[in-house]
Amino acid sequence: MIRTALEDLRRSCVWMSFFAASFVLMYLGVVLLTKYRFVYFQGYLLEADPNLLRAVFYLLACSSLWAGAFMKKKRASKERLGAALKDSSALLKHLLVTFIFAVALALVPLLSGFFLFFLGALYIDFYILAAISLLLIYLSVPRVEFWESRIKGAMKG
């Protein structure tokens, strides 16, 4: 029974990740439209140093990677899953909230790239960070086997 619930939950997570990926495509459309519609667009902070902007927003994107890995490790720990094992609906809610947090953190590089584009017209950086965001969205969908092994480990420990 738990396997079918996990498979259904994963299916829902896949659909939500498609929805999150559509945000990446939407932001890509806005950037492309702005880039080709306003050919002389140079960003809104003309006097800002582009390297400083890159450093700030790439640091923000990297910190979201670290925060995502840390959060996933903590929420999938034996202690956290063990507390949610008493009730199956609480366990499924715990797993779903973990996924939602992971996807939200996966969108931080996209937003960082979007700010880089509008502040400094750094569209190449937007493309790089959007690709990283798409990869993180893809990686945030856990496999059913991963969930099962974590739950079994929490039951034993």
Protein backbone atom coordinates (compact mmCIF):
# COMPACT_ATOMS: atom_id res chain seq x y z
CA MET A 1 0.00 0.00 0.00
CA ILE A 2 2.79 2.43 0.84
CA ARG A 3 4.42 1.78 -2.53
CA THR A 4 1.31 2.78 -4.46
CA ALA A 5 0.94 5.92 -2.33
CA LEU A 6 4.58 6.80 -3.02
CA GLU A 7 4.10 6.19 -6.75
CA ASP A 8 1.06 8.47 -6.75
CA LEU A 9 2.99 11.08 -4.81
CA ARG A 10 5.88 10.87 -7.27
CA ARG A 11 3.47 11.28 -10.17
CA SER A 12 2.14 14.44 -8.53
CA CYS A 13 5.69 15.66 -7.99
CA VAL A 14 6.50 15.10 -11.67
CA TRP A 15 3.49 17.21 -12.67
CA MET A 16 4.51 19.94 -10.26
CA SER A 17 8.03 19.89 -11.67
CA PHE A 18 6.60 20.38 -15.17
CA PHE A 19 4.71 23.35 -13.79
CA ALA A 20 7.93 24.75 -12.28
CA ALA A 21 9.75 24.17 -15.58
CA SER A 22 7.05 26.19 -17.31
CA PHE A 23 8.13 29.14 -15.16
CA VAL A 24 11.63 28.76 -16.59
CA LEU A 25 10.19 28.86 -20.10
CA MET A 26 8.02 31.86 -19.22
CA TYR A 27 11.02 33.81 -17.91
CA LEU A 28 13.00 32.74 -20.99
CA GLY A 29 10.24 34.18 -23.16
CA VAL A 30 10.32 37.48 -21.28
CA VAL A 31 14.10 37.70 -21.65
CA LEU A 32 14.04 36.86 -25.35
CA LEU A 33 11.20 39.27 -26.00
CA THR A 34 13.00 42.06 -24.16
CA LYS A 35 16.31 41.29 -25.83
CA TYR A 36 14.97 41.30 -29.38
CA ARG A 37 12.20 43.88 -28.99
CA PHE A 38 14.42 46.45 -27.28
CA VAL A 39 17.69 45.98 -29.14
CA TYR A 40 19.49 48.73 -27.23
CA PHE A 41 18.47 47.48 -23.79
CA GLN A 42 21.45 47.81 -21.45
CA GLY A 43 19.89 47.03 -18.10
CA TYR A 44 18.53 49.30 -15.42
CA LEU A 45 21.76 49.75 -13.48
CA LEU A 46 24.00 51.27 -16.13
CA GLU A 47 26.73 52.36 -13.72
CA ALA A 48 26.87 49.01 -11.87
CA ASP A 49 29.88 46.77 -12.29
CA PRO A 50 28.74 43.62 -14.13
CA ASN A 51 31.31 41.49 -12.31
CA LEU A 52 29.94 42.62 -8.95
CA LEU A 53 26.40 41.81 -10.09
CA ARG A 54 27.58 38.39 -11.24
CA ALA A 55 29.33 37.71 -7.96
CA VAL A 56 26.30 38.64 -5.87
CA PHE A 57 23.74 36.69 -7.86
CA TYR A 58 25.93 33.64 -8.52
CA LEU A 59 26.66 33.54 -4.80
CA LEU A 60 22.93 33.64 -4.15
CA ALA A 61 22.38 30.80 -6.63
CA CYS A 62 25.17 28.72 -5.08
CA SER A 63 23.82 29.31 -1.60
CA SER A 64 20.44 28.00 -2.73
CA LEU A 65 22.18 24.84 -3.98
CA TRP A 66 23.77 24.39 -0.57
CA ALA A 67 20.51 25.15 1.23
CA GLY A 68 18.64 22.65 -0.96
CA ALA A 69 21.13 19.89 -0.29
CA PHE A 70 21.16 20.65 3.44
CA MET A 71 17.36 20.78 3.64
CA LYS A 72 16.94 17.54 1.70
CA LYS A 73 19.44 15.77 3.93
CA LYS A 74 17.80 17.00 7.12
CA ARG A 75 14.21 16.31 6.06
CA ALA A 76 15.09 12.82 4.80
CA SER A 77 16.94 11.90 7.99
CA LYS A 78 15.88 8.97 10.14
CA GLU A 79 14.80 11.25 12.95
CA ARG A 80 12.50 13.41 10.82
CA LEU A 81 11.00 10.48 8.93
CA GLY A 82 10.68 8.49 12.14
CA ALA A 83 8.51 11.22 13.64
CA ALA A 84 6.25 11.18 10.57
CA LEU A 85 5.95 7.38 10.41
CA LYS A 86 3.18 7.22 13.00
CA ASP A 87 0.62 8.51 10.52
CA SER A 88 0.73 7.75 6.79
CA SER A 89 -0.91 11.04 5.84
CA ALA A 90 1.67 12.92 7.91
CA LEU A 91 4.43 11.00 6.15
CA LEU A 92 3.08 11.82 2.70
CA LYS A 93 2.66 15.46 3.70
CA HIS A 94 6.23 15.52 4.97
CA LEU A 95 7.54 14.10 1.69
CA LEU A 96 5.44 16.49 -0.38
CA VAL A 97 6.56 19.55 1.59
CA THR A 98 10.17 18.42 1.20
CA PHE A 99 9.69 18.28 -2.56
CA ILE A 100 8.00 21.69 -2.66
CA PHE A 101 10.87 23.27 -0.72
CA ALA A 102 13.38 21.62 -3.08
CA VAL A 103 11.59 22.99 -6.15
CA ALA A 104 11.33 26.45 -4.60
CA LEU A 105 15.07 26.44 -3.95
CA ALA A 106 15.65 25.14 -7.49
CA LEU A 107 14.00 28.28 -8.86
CA VAL A 108 16.40 30.63 -7.05
CA PRO A 109 19.07 30.40 -9.80
CA LEU A 110 16.39 31.29 -12.36
CA LEU A 111 15.38 34.40 -10.42
CA SER A 112 19.03 35.32 -9.93
CA GLY A 113 19.59 35.12 -13.67
CA PHE A 114 16.46 37.14 -14.31
CA PHE A 115 17.71 39.90 -12.01
CA LEU A 116 21.11 39.76 -13.72
CA PHE A 117 19.43 40.28 -17.07
CA PHE A 118 17.28 43.21 -16.01
CA LEU A 119 19.90 44.93 -13.90
CA GLY A 120 22.90 44.49 -16.19
CA ALA A 121 21.62 43.03 -19.49
CA LEU A 122 23.65 39.89 -18.80
CA TYR A 123 21.57 37.52 -20.87
CA ILE A 124 24.24 34.81 -21.20
CA ASP A 125 24.29 34.54 -17.42
CA PHE A 126 20.51 34.27 -17.45
CA TYR A 127 20.74 31.32 -19.87
CA ILE A 128 23.33 29.59 -17.70
CA LEU A 129 21.35 30.05 -14.50
CA ALA A 130 18.09 29.04 -16.19
CA ALA A 131 19.74 25.81 -17.37
CA ILE A 132 21.00 25.17 -13.83
CA SER A 133 17.51 25.79 -12.53
CA LEU A 134 16.02 23.30 -15.01
CA LEU A 135 18.60 20.72 -13.95
CA LEU A 136 17.79 21.29 -10.28
CA ILE A 137 14.07 20.95 -10.94
CA TYR A 138 14.75 17.64 -12.68
CA LEU A 139 16.97 16.45 -9.82
CA SER A 140 14.48 17.49 -7.15
CA VAL A 141 11.98 14.78 -8.15
CA PRO A 142 12.95 11.83 -5.95
CA ARG A 143 12.61 8.23 -7.01
CA VAL A 144 10.20 5.91 -5.23
CA GLU A 145 13.14 3.64 -4.36
CA PHE A 146 14.87 6.53 -2.59
CA TRP A 147 11.79 7.22 -0.48
CA GLU A 148 11.33 3.51 0.29
CA SER A 149 14.92 3.06 1.39
CA ARG A 150 14.73 6.13 3.64
CA ILE A 151 11.46 4.98 5.17
CA LYS A 152 12.80 1.47 5.77
CA GLY A 153 15.91 2.96 7.36
CA ALA A 154 13.75 5.10 9.64
CA MET A 155 11.65 2.07 10.63
CA LYS A 156 14.75 0.11 11.61
CA GLY A 157 16.48 2.96 13.41
